[in-house]
Amino acid sequence: MYDQYAQVFAASPGHREYNARLAEFLPGLLDRMEVQARTVLDVACGVGDLALGLTQHGFQVTGVDLAPAMIQIARSRAEAQGVAATFDVGDMRALPYTAQFDLTLCFGDSLNYMLTPEDVRKALASMRRALVPGGWAIFDLLTSGAISTYYADQAYILQNSEAVFEAHENDYDPDTEIGTLTVTAFVRRPDGAYDRVRETHHQRGYLPERIHRWATRAGFETPTWFTDWEIAETMEDDEGEPTRVFCMARAFPPSPSGRGSG
């Protein structure tokens, strides 16, 4: 997954623009929420757009992604830009870090790629282990309703340029609650010919209530849920049916006795 598709993903202006906005927005959010963070782990970092953007704001950033092809692009970009960011290949269910980061991020509905409750629980516990006590996690999630809607039988063109043509075909299985995305793309080579890329991706939606319970059991304090990416409106205040939701959760800080409570 995200193997041949890595070059196509990297060419998408939508992904770059979204992550550029996030990189500009997050420092202000952390100030507003009084979150002190210097070291950041970007889980499912992709080609490194967000991680590289955050380094421009003084953060020490490590990006991790399951796809080696994505990490290779991220490392190349960091080198080309002269940015001191670290990029590792790793599975969010078993991150190779323990108590190293002040903040973990997981955006782009990456948690929805976890197709079983056990996988989600492992990912949350792994992100918790990567945090120092009292550190914070921020992640987003497509709800069950969003997956069933977005992945309803449909097809569309995501990008169409001289360099890349990318089309998506979606399907949703109500029995498994899994949405399937089939990507077909044509990427222009230096000689002017095109390589055909075809990959299949699967996502599953989860109710925030379930993620809430699992995050608490993983060692996070009561998570707070929001319904917009600027984290301005809580789920309780939003009268509509949420599709993408955002969560901020704090890792249990040390107890007064000095013994960890998480």
C-alpha atoms as a PDB file:
ATOM      1  CA  MET A   1       0.000   0.000   0.000  1.00  0.00           C
ATOM      2  CA  TYR A   2       1.273   3.477  -0.926  1.00  0.00           C
ATOM      3  CA  ASP A   3       4.063   1.767  -2.851  1.00  0.00           C
ATOM      4  CA  GLN A   4       3.683   2.657  -6.522  1.00  0.00           C
ATOM      5  CA  TYR A   5       1.095   5.223  -5.447  1.00  0.00           C
ATOM      6  CA  ALA A   6       3.665   7.247  -3.470  1.00  0.00           C
ATOM      7  CA  GLN A   7       4.717   9.349  -6.472  1.00  0.00           C
ATOM      8  CA  VAL A   8       1.085   9.995  -7.383  1.00  0.00           C
ATOM      9  CA  PHE A   9       0.256  11.015  -3.808  1.00  0.00           C
ATOM     10  CA  ALA A  10       3.272  13.316  -3.658  1.00  0.00           C
ATOM     11  CA  ALA A  11       2.092  15.128  -6.798  1.00  0.00           C
ATOM     12  CA  SER A  12      -1.374  15.915  -5.431  1.00  0.00           C
ATOM     13  CA  PRO A  13      -1.715  19.671  -4.737  1.00  0.00           C
ATOM     14  CA  GLY A  14      -4.630  19.035  -2.378  1.00  0.00           C
ATOM     15  CA  HIS A  15      -2.492  17.059   0.073  1.00  0.00           C
ATOM     16  CA  ARG A  16       0.275  19.667  -0.003  1.00  0.00           C
ATOM     17  CA  GLU A  17      -2.117  22.556   0.553  1.00  0.00           C
ATOM     18  CA  TYR A  18      -3.929  20.818   3.414  1.00  0.00           C
ATOM     19  CA  ASN A  19      -0.707  19.989   5.246  1.00  0.00           C
ATOM     20  CA  ALA A  20       0.692  23.473   4.676  1.00  0.00           C
ATOM     21  CA  ARG A  21      -2.414  24.916   6.368  1.00  0.00           C
ATOM     22  CA  LEU A  22      -2.071  22.460   9.240  1.00  0.00           C
ATOM     23  CA  ALA A  23       1.599  23.354   9.756  1.00  0.00           C
ATOM     24  CA  GLU A  24       0.650  27.030   9.984  1.00  0.00           C
ATOM     25  CA  PHE A  25      -2.338  26.395  12.241  1.00  0.00           C
ATOM     26  CA  LEU A  26      -0.977  23.911  14.790  1.00  0.00           C
ATOM     27  CA  PRO A  27       1.478  26.209  16.632  1.00  0.00           C
ATOM     28  CA  GLY A  28      -1.343  28.629  17.397  1.00  0.00           C
ATOM     29  CA  LEU A  29      -3.608  25.793  18.509  1.00  0.00           C
ATOM     30  CA  LEU A  30      -0.973  24.516  20.925  1.00  0.00           C
ATOM     31  CA  ASP A  31      -0.544  28.009  22.374  1.00  0.00           C
ATOM     32  CA  ARG A  32      -4.306  28.384  22.739  1.00  0.00           C
ATOM     33  CA  MET A  33      -4.616  25.041  24.508  1.00  0.00           C
ATOM     34  CA  GLU A  34      -1.495  25.753  26.621  1.00  0.00           C
ATOM     35  CA  VAL A  35       0.288  22.679  25.303  1.00  0.00           C
ATOM     36  CA  GLN A  36       4.061  22.793  25.649  1.00  0.00           C
ATOM     37  CA  ALA A  37       5.701  20.763  22.883  1.00  0.00           C
ATOM     38  CA  ARG A  38       9.122  20.719  21.297  1.00  0.00           C
ATOM     39  CA  THR A  39       9.497  17.145  20.055  1.00  0.00           C
ATOM     40  CA  VAL A  40       6.806  15.923  17.659  1.00  0.00           C
ATOM     41  CA  LEU A  41       6.066  12.516  16.163  1.00  0.00           C
ATOM     42  CA  ASP A  42       4.042  12.623  12.945  1.00  0.00           C
ATOM     43  CA  VAL A  43       2.447   9.174  12.635  1.00  0.00           C
ATOM     44  CA  ALA A  44       1.557   8.077   9.094  1.00  0.00           C
ATOM     45  CA  CYS A  45       3.560  11.069   7.875  1.00  0.00           C
ATOM     46  CA  GLY A  46       3.305  10.166   4.186  1.00  0.00           C
ATOM     47  CA  VAL A  47       5.754  12.129   2.048  1.00  0.00           C
ATOM     48  CA  GLY A  48       6.546  14.461   4.950  1.00  0.00           C
ATOM     49  CA  ASP A  49       4.613  17.614   4.026  1.00  0.00           C
ATOM     50  CA  LEU A  50       3.343  18.303   7.557  1.00  0.00           C
ATOM     51  CA  ALA A  51       6.552  17.232   9.289  1.00  0.00           C
ATOM     52  CA  LEU A  52       8.702  19.477   7.105  1.00  0.00           C
ATOM     53  CA  GLY A  53       6.299  22.372   7.580  1.00  0.00           C
ATOM     54  CA  LEU A  54       6.428  22.050  11.364  1.00  0.00           C
ATOM     55  CA  THR A  55      10.231  22.199  11.403  1.00  0.00           C
ATOM     56  CA  GLN A  56       9.903  25.740  10.042  1.00  0.00           C
ATOM     57  CA  HIS A  57       8.181  26.641  13.317  1.00  0.00           C
ATOM     58  CA  GLY A  58      11.007  25.355  15.484  1.00  0.00           C
ATOM     59  CA  PHE A  59       9.708  21.871  16.263  1.00  0.00           C
ATOM     60  CA  GLN A  60      12.010  18.861  16.337  1.00  0.00           C
ATOM     61  CA  VAL A  61      10.046  16.444  14.169  1.00  0.00           C
ATOM     62  CA  THR A  62      10.216  12.727  13.467  1.00  0.00           C
ATOM     63  CA  GLY A  63       7.947  11.264  10.809  1.00  0.00           C
ATOM     64  CA  VAL A  64       7.053   7.593  10.630  1.00  0.00           C
ATOM     65  CA  ASP A  65       5.137   5.720   7.938  1.00  0.00           C
ATOM     66  CA  LEU A  66       4.512   2.110   7.000  1.00  0.00           C
ATOM     67  CA  ALA A  67       5.350   2.681   3.314  1.00  0.00           C
ATOM     68  CA  PRO A  68       9.091   2.744   2.502  1.00  0.00           C
ATOM     69  CA  ALA A  69       8.382   4.561  -0.766  1.00  0.00           C
ATOM     70  CA  MET A  70       6.707   7.418   1.109  1.00  0.00           C
ATOM     71  CA  ILE A  71       9.595   7.673   3.570  1.00  0.00           C
ATOM     72  CA  GLN A  72      12.115   7.726   0.729  1.00  0.00           C
ATOM     73  CA  ILE A  73      10.370  10.741  -0.787  1.00  0.00           C
ATOM     74  CA  ALA A  74      10.166  12.455   2.620  1.00  0.00           C
ATOM     75  CA  ARG A  75      13.891  11.958   3.221  1.00  0.00           C
ATOM     76  CA  SER A  76      14.731  13.269  -0.245  1.00  0.00           C
ATOM     77  CA  ARG A  77      12.612  16.361   0.342  1.00  0.00           C
ATOM     78  CA  ALA A  78      14.217  16.999   3.729  1.00  0.00           C
ATOM     79  CA  GLU A  79      17.687  16.714   2.214  1.00  0.00           C
ATOM     80  CA  ALA A  80      16.796  18.992  -0.705  1.00  0.00           C
ATOM     81  CA  GLN A  81      15.389  21.608   1.675  1.00  0.00           C
ATOM     82  CA  GLY A  82      18.261  21.291   4.149  1.00  0.00           C
ATOM     83  CA  VAL A  83      15.826  20.401   6.922  1.00  0.00           C
ATOM     84  CA  ALA A  84      16.927  18.392   9.963  1.00  0.00           C
ATOM     85  CA  ALA A  85      13.898  16.118  10.223  1.00  0.00           C
ATOM     86  CA  THR A  86      14.046  12.373  10.852  1.00  0.00           C
ATOM     87  CA  PHE A  87      11.951   9.898   8.866  1.00  0.00           C
ATOM     88  CA  ASP A  88      11.559   6.240   9.830  1.00  0.00           C
ATOM     89  CA  VAL A  89       9.700   3.269   8.393  1.00  0.00           C
ATOM     90  CA  GLY A  90       7.377   1.875  11.029  1.00  0.00           C
ATOM     91  CA  ASP A  91       3.953   0.441  11.793  1.00  0.00           C
ATOM     92  CA  MET A  92       1.691   2.655  13.926  1.00  0.00           C
ATOM     93  CA  ARG A  93       0.595  -0.477  15.792  1.00  0.00           C
ATOM     94  CA  ALA A  94       4.148  -1.077  16.995  1.00  0.00           C
ATOM     95  CA  LEU A  95       6.019   2.222  16.943  1.00  0.00           C
ATOM     96  CA  PRO A  96       9.727   1.882  17.846  1.00  0.00           C
ATOM     97  CA  TYR A  97       9.692   4.705  20.420  1.00  0.00           C
ATOM     98  CA  THR A  98       9.221   4.890  24.176  1.00  0.00           C
ATOM     99  CA  ALA A  99       8.583   8.142  26.085  1.00  0.00           C
ATOM    100  CA  GLN A 100      10.390  10.264  23.499  1.00  0.00           C
ATOM    101  CA  PHE A 101       7.899  12.880  22.281  1.00  0.00           C
ATOM    102  CA  ASP A 102       5.902  15.765  23.674  1.00  0.00           C
ATOM    103  CA  LEU A 103       3.278  15.496  20.941  1.00  0.00           C
ATOM    104  CA  THR A 104       2.062  12.824  18.539  1.00  0.00           C
ATOM    105  CA  LEU A 105       0.011  13.666  15.461  1.00  0.00           C
ATOM    106  CA  CYS A 106      -1.963  11.311  13.228  1.00  0.00           C
ATOM    107  CA  PHE A 107      -3.935  13.052  10.476  1.00  0.00           C
ATOM    108  CA  GLY A 108      -5.397  12.288   7.066  1.00  0.00           C
ATOM    109  CA  ASP A 109      -7.807   9.631   8.423  1.00  0.00           C
ATOM    110  CA  SER A 110      -4.815   7.331   8.873  1.00  0.00           C
ATOM    111  CA  LEU A 111      -6.440   5.547  11.823  1.00  0.00           C
ATOM    112  CA  ASN A 112      -9.239   4.467   9.466  1.00  0.00           C
ATOM    113  CA  TYR A 113      -6.730   2.183   7.752  1.00  0.00           C
ATOM    114  CA  MET A 114      -6.842   0.106  10.919  1.00  0.00           C
ATOM    115  CA  LEU A 115      -9.544  -2.376   9.878  1.00  0.00           C
ATOM    116  CA  THR A 116     -10.138  -4.129  13.206  1.00  0.00           C
ATOM    117  CA  PRO A 117     -10.774  -2.843  16.733  1.00  0.00           C
ATOM    118  CA  GLU A 118      -7.647  -4.669  17.879  1.00  0.00           C
ATOM    119  CA  ASP A 119      -5.532  -2.767  15.341  1.00  0.00           C
ATOM    120  CA  VAL A 120      -6.966   0.556  16.528  1.00  0.00           C
ATOM    121  CA  ARG A 121      -6.298  -0.316  20.160  1.00  0.00           C
ATOM    122  CA  LYS A 122      -2.717  -1.277  19.323  1.00  0.00           C
ATOM    123  CA  ALA A 123      -2.177   1.987  17.442  1.00  0.00           C
ATOM    124  CA  LEU A 124      -3.506   4.099  20.314  1.00  0.00           C
ATOM    125  CA  ALA A 125      -1.416   2.221  22.869  1.00  0.00           C
ATOM    126  CA  SER A 126       1.655   2.545  20.655  1.00  0.00           C
ATOM    127  CA  MET A 127       1.196   6.312  20.301  1.00  0.00           C
ATOM    128  CA  ARG A 128       0.745   6.568  24.062  1.00  0.00           C
ATOM    129  CA  ARG A 129       4.026   4.702  24.660  1.00  0.00           C
ATOM    130  CA  ALA A 130       5.828   7.115  22.337  1.00  0.00           C
ATOM    131  CA  LEU A 131       4.783  10.094  24.499  1.00  0.00           C
ATOM    132  CA  VAL A 132       6.464  11.419  27.578  1.00  0.00           C
ATOM    133  CA  PRO A 133       4.107  11.419  30.595  1.00  0.00           C
ATOM    134  CA  GLY A 134       1.838  14.423  30.225  1.00  0.00           C
ATOM    135  CA  GLY A 135       2.410  14.583  26.465  1.00  0.00           C
ATOM    136  CA  TRP A 136      -0.434  15.075  24.006  1.00  0.00           C
ATOM    137  CA  ALA A 137      -1.896  13.284  21.005  1.00  0.00           C
ATOM    138  CA  ILE A 138      -3.993  14.915  18.283  1.00  0.00           C
ATOM    139  CA  PHE A 139      -5.610  12.775  15.606  1.00  0.00           C
ATOM    140  CA  ASP A 140      -8.531  12.777  13.204  1.00  0.00           C
ATOM    141  CA  LEU A 141     -10.999  10.089  12.201  1.00  0.00           C
ATOM    142  CA  LEU A 142     -13.696   9.474   9.610  1.00  0.00           C
ATOM    143  CA  THR A 143     -16.861   8.255  11.307  1.00  0.00           C
ATOM    144  CA  SER A 144     -18.823   5.179  10.269  1.00  0.00           C
ATOM    145  CA  GLY A 145     -21.384   7.371   8.532  1.00  0.00           C
ATOM    146  CA  ALA A 146     -18.686   9.188   6.603  1.00  0.00           C
ATOM    147  CA  ILE A 147     -17.124   5.963   5.321  1.00  0.00           C
ATOM    148  CA  SER A 148     -20.488   4.605   4.166  1.00  0.00           C
ATOM    149  CA  THR A 149     -21.183   7.896   2.363  1.00  0.00           C
ATOM    150  CA  TYR A 150     -17.771   8.654   0.894  1.00  0.00           C
ATOM    151  CA  TYR A 151     -17.260   5.112  -0.313  1.00  0.00           C
ATOM    152  CA  ALA A 152     -20.698   4.654  -1.836  1.00  0.00           C
ATOM    153  CA  ASP A 153     -20.514   3.435  -5.417  1.00  0.00           C
ATOM    154  CA  GLN A 154     -18.905   6.346  -7.228  1.00  0.00           C
ATOM    155  CA  ALA A 155     -15.969   7.342  -9.431  1.00  0.00           C
ATOM    156  CA  TYR A 156     -14.202  10.658  -9.903  1.00  0.00           C
ATOM    157  CA  ILE A 157     -10.983  12.263 -11.163  1.00  0.00           C
ATOM    158  CA  LEU A 158      -8.738  13.605  -8.402  1.00  0.00           C
ATOM    159  CA  GLN A 159      -6.035  15.223 -10.514  1.00  0.00           C
ATOM    160  CA  ASN A 160      -5.413  15.680 -14.231  1.00  0.00           C
ATOM    161  CA  SER A 161      -2.208  17.301 -15.427  1.00  0.00           C
ATOM    162  CA  GLU A 162       0.545  16.647 -17.942  1.00  0.00           C
ATOM    163  CA  ALA A 163       2.521  14.928 -15.180  1.00  0.00           C
ATOM    164  CA  VAL A 164      -0.177  12.860 -13.444  1.00  0.00           C
ATOM    165  CA  PHE A 165      -3.684  11.617 -14.135  1.00  0.00           C
ATOM    166  CA  GLU A 166      -5.439  10.066 -11.116  1.00  0.00           C
ATOM    167  CA  ALA A 167      -8.919   8.539 -10.953  1.00  0.00           C
ATOM    168  CA  HIS A 168     -10.682   6.988  -7.940  1.00  0.00           C
ATOM    169  CA  GLU A 169     -13.353   4.288  -7.816  1.00  0.00           C
ATOM    170  CA  ASN A 170     -15.109   3.754  -4.477  1.00  0.00           C
ATOM    171  CA  ASP A 171     -17.203   0.955  -3.063  1.00  0.00           C
ATOM    172  CA  TYR A 172     -18.686   0.211   0.367  1.00  0.00           C
ATOM    173  CA  ASP A 173     -19.542  -3.151   1.919  1.00  0.00           C
ATOM    174  CA  PRO A 174     -22.192  -2.700   4.650  1.00  0.00           C
ATOM    175  CA  ASP A 175     -21.578  -6.210   6.000  1.00  0.00           C
ATOM    176  CA  THR A 176     -17.934  -5.516   6.848  1.00  0.00           C
ATOM    177  CA  GLU A 177     -18.343  -1.726   7.189  1.00  0.00           C
ATOM    178  CA  ILE A 178     -15.256  -1.348   5.016  1.00  0.00           C
ATOM    179  CA  GLY A 179     -14.850   1.114   2.171  1.00  0.00           C
ATOM    180  CA  THR A 180     -12.626   0.223  -0.768  1.00  0.00           C
ATOM    181  CA  LEU A 181     -10.786   2.770  -2.881  1.00  0.00           C
ATOM    182  CA  THR A 182      -9.231   1.672  -6.162  1.00  0.00           C
ATOM    183  CA  VAL A 183      -6.768   4.168  -7.576  1.00  0.00           C
ATOM    184  CA  THR A 184      -5.825   4.172 -11.248  1.00  0.00           C
ATOM    185  CA  ALA A 185      -3.166   6.672 -12.256  1.00  0.00           C
ATOM    186  CA  PHE A 186      -0.827   7.443 -15.122  1.00  0.00           C
ATOM    187  CA  VAL A 187       2.511   9.065 -14.241  1.00  0.00           C
ATOM    188  CA  ARG A 188       4.634  10.689 -16.913  1.00  0.00           C
ATOM    189  CA  ARG A 189       8.213   9.450 -17.225  1.00  0.00           C
ATOM    190  CA  PRO A 190      11.150  11.672 -18.264  1.00  0.00           C
ATOM    191  CA  ASP A 191      10.965  10.203 -21.786  1.00  0.00           C
ATOM    192  CA  GLY A 192       7.372  11.373 -22.135  1.00  0.00           C
ATOM    193  CA  ALA A 193       5.747   7.938 -21.846  1.00  0.00           C
ATOM    194  CA  TYR A 194       3.381   7.113 -18.992  1.00  0.00           C
ATOM    195  CA  ASP A 195       3.519   4.406 -16.332  1.00  0.00           C
ATOM    196  CA  ARG A 196       0.206   2.988 -15.153  1.00  0.00           C
ATOM    197  CA  VAL A 197      -0.290   2.709 -11.394  1.00  0.00           C
ATOM    198  CA  ARG A 198      -3.123   0.784  -9.755  1.00  0.00           C
ATOM    199  CA  GLU A 199      -3.582   0.310  -6.002  1.00  0.00           C
ATOM    200  CA  THR A 200      -6.414  -0.679  -3.712  1.00  0.00           C
ATOM    201  CA  HIS A 201      -6.953   0.890  -0.285  1.00  0.00           C
ATOM    202  CA  HIS A 202      -9.360  -0.084   2.490  1.00  0.00           C
ATOM    203  CA  GLN A 203     -10.756   2.008   5.338  1.00  0.00           C
ATOM    204  CA  ARG A 204     -13.198   1.391   8.155  1.00  0.00           C
ATOM    205  CA  GLY A 205     -15.177   3.982  10.072  1.00  0.00           C
ATOM    206  CA  TYR A 206     -15.501   4.006  13.866  1.00  0.00           C
ATOM    207  CA  LEU A 207     -17.823   5.772  16.255  1.00  0.00           C
ATOM    208  CA  PRO A 208     -15.976   8.330  18.407  1.00  0.00           C
ATOM    209  CA  GLU A 209     -17.480   6.704  21.505  1.00  0.00           C
ATOM    210  CA  ARG A 210     -15.554   3.497  20.803  1.00  0.00           C
ATOM    211  CA  ILE A 211     -12.287   5.320  20.126  1.00  0.00           C
ATOM    212  CA  HIS A 212     -12.875   7.307  23.310  1.00  0.00           C
ATOM    213  CA  ARG A 213     -13.037   4.133  25.402  1.00  0.00           C
ATOM    214  CA  TRP A 214     -10.003   2.604  23.735  1.00  0.00           C
ATOM    215  CA  ALA A 215      -7.931   5.782  24.117  1.00  0.00           C
ATOM    216  CA  THR A 216      -8.771   5.972  27.816  1.00  0.00           C
ATOM    217  CA  ARG A 217      -7.768   2.340  28.294  1.00  0.00           C
ATOM    218  CA  ALA A 218      -4.531   2.997  26.390  1.00  0.00           C
ATOM    219  CA  GLY A 219      -3.489   5.558  29.001  1.00  0.00           C
ATOM    220  CA  PHE A 220      -4.930   8.854  27.793  1.00  0.00           C
ATOM    221  CA  GLU A 221      -6.877  11.204  30.009  1.00  0.00           C
ATOM    222  CA  THR A 222     -10.463  11.900  28.994  1.00  0.00           C
ATOM    223  CA  PRO A 223     -10.189  12.780  25.298  1.00  0.00           C
ATOM    224  CA  THR A 224     -11.858  15.910  23.943  1.00  0.00           C
ATOM    225  CA  TRP A 225     -13.605  15.651  20.573  1.00  0.00           C
ATOM    226  CA  PHE A 226     -14.116  18.383  17.989  1.00  0.00           C
ATOM    227  CA  THR A 227     -15.957  18.434  14.676  1.00  0.00           C
ATOM    228  CA  ASP A 228     -13.813  20.795  12.630  1.00  0.00           C
ATOM    229  CA  TRP A 229     -10.107  20.810  11.884  1.00  0.00           C
ATOM    230  CA  GLU A 230      -9.588  24.163  13.595  1.00  0.00           C
ATOM    231  CA  ILE A 231     -10.836  22.486  16.794  1.00  0.00           C
ATOM    232  CA  ALA A 232     -13.257  25.320  17.490  1.00  0.00           C
ATOM    233  CA  GLU A 233     -16.519  23.419  17.890  1.00  0.00           C
ATOM    234  CA  THR A 234     -16.957  20.409  20.159  1.00  0.00           C
ATOM    235  CA  MET A 235     -19.141  17.460  19.234  1.00  0.00           C
ATOM    236  CA  GLU A 236     -21.617  18.493  21.916  1.00  0.00           C
ATOM    237  CA  ASP A 237     -22.033  21.929  20.324  1.00  0.00           C
ATOM    238  CA  ASP A 238     -22.354  20.701  16.738  1.00  0.00           C
ATOM    239  CA  GLU A 239     -25.970  19.961  15.873  1.00  0.00           C
ATOM    240  CA  GLY A 240     -25.105  18.205  12.599  1.00  0.00           C
ATOM    241  CA  GLU A 241     -23.988  14.641  11.990  1.00  0.00           C
ATOM    242  CA  PRO A 242     -20.171  14.691  12.190  1.00  0.00           C
ATOM    243  CA  THR A 243     -18.164  13.117   9.398  1.00  0.00           C
ATOM    244  CA  ARG A 244     -14.542  13.838  10.196  1.00  0.00           C
ATOM    245  CA  VAL A 245     -13.825  14.346  13.884  1.00  0.00           C
ATOM    246  CA  PHE A 246     -10.700  15.472  15.705  1.00  0.00           C
ATOM    247  CA  CYS A 247      -9.450  14.424  19.115  1.00  0.00           C
ATOM    248  CA  MET A 248      -6.990  15.870  21.616  1.00  0.00           C
ATOM    249  CA  ALA A 249      -5.933  13.602  24.458  1.00  0.00           C
ATOM    250  CA  ARG A 250      -3.260  13.864  27.123  1.00  0.00           C
ATOM    251  CA  ALA A 251      -1.102  10.980  28.290  1.00  0.00           C
ATOM    252  CA  PHE A 252      -1.466  10.365  31.998  1.00  0.00           C
ATOM    253  CA  PRO A 253       1.103  12.566  33.767  1.00  0.00           C
ATOM    254  CA  PRO A 254       3.165  11.274  36.689  1.00  0.00           C
ATOM    255  CA  SER A 255       1.273  10.945  39.951  1.00  0.00           C
ATOM    256  CA  PRO A 256       2.327  13.136  42.928  1.00  0.00           C
ATOM    257  CA  SER A 257       4.182  10.163  44.395  1.00  0.00           C
ATOM    258  CA  GLY A 258       6.363  10.022  41.292  1.00  0.00           C
ATOM    259  CA  ARG A 259       4.851   6.805  40.041  1.00  0.00           C
ATOM    260  CA  GLY A 260       3.269   6.885  36.605  1.00  0.00           C
ATOM    261  CA  SER A 261      -0.493   6.508  36.526  1.00  0.00           C
ATOM    262  CA  GLY A 262      -0.745   5.345  32.885  1.00  0.00           C
END
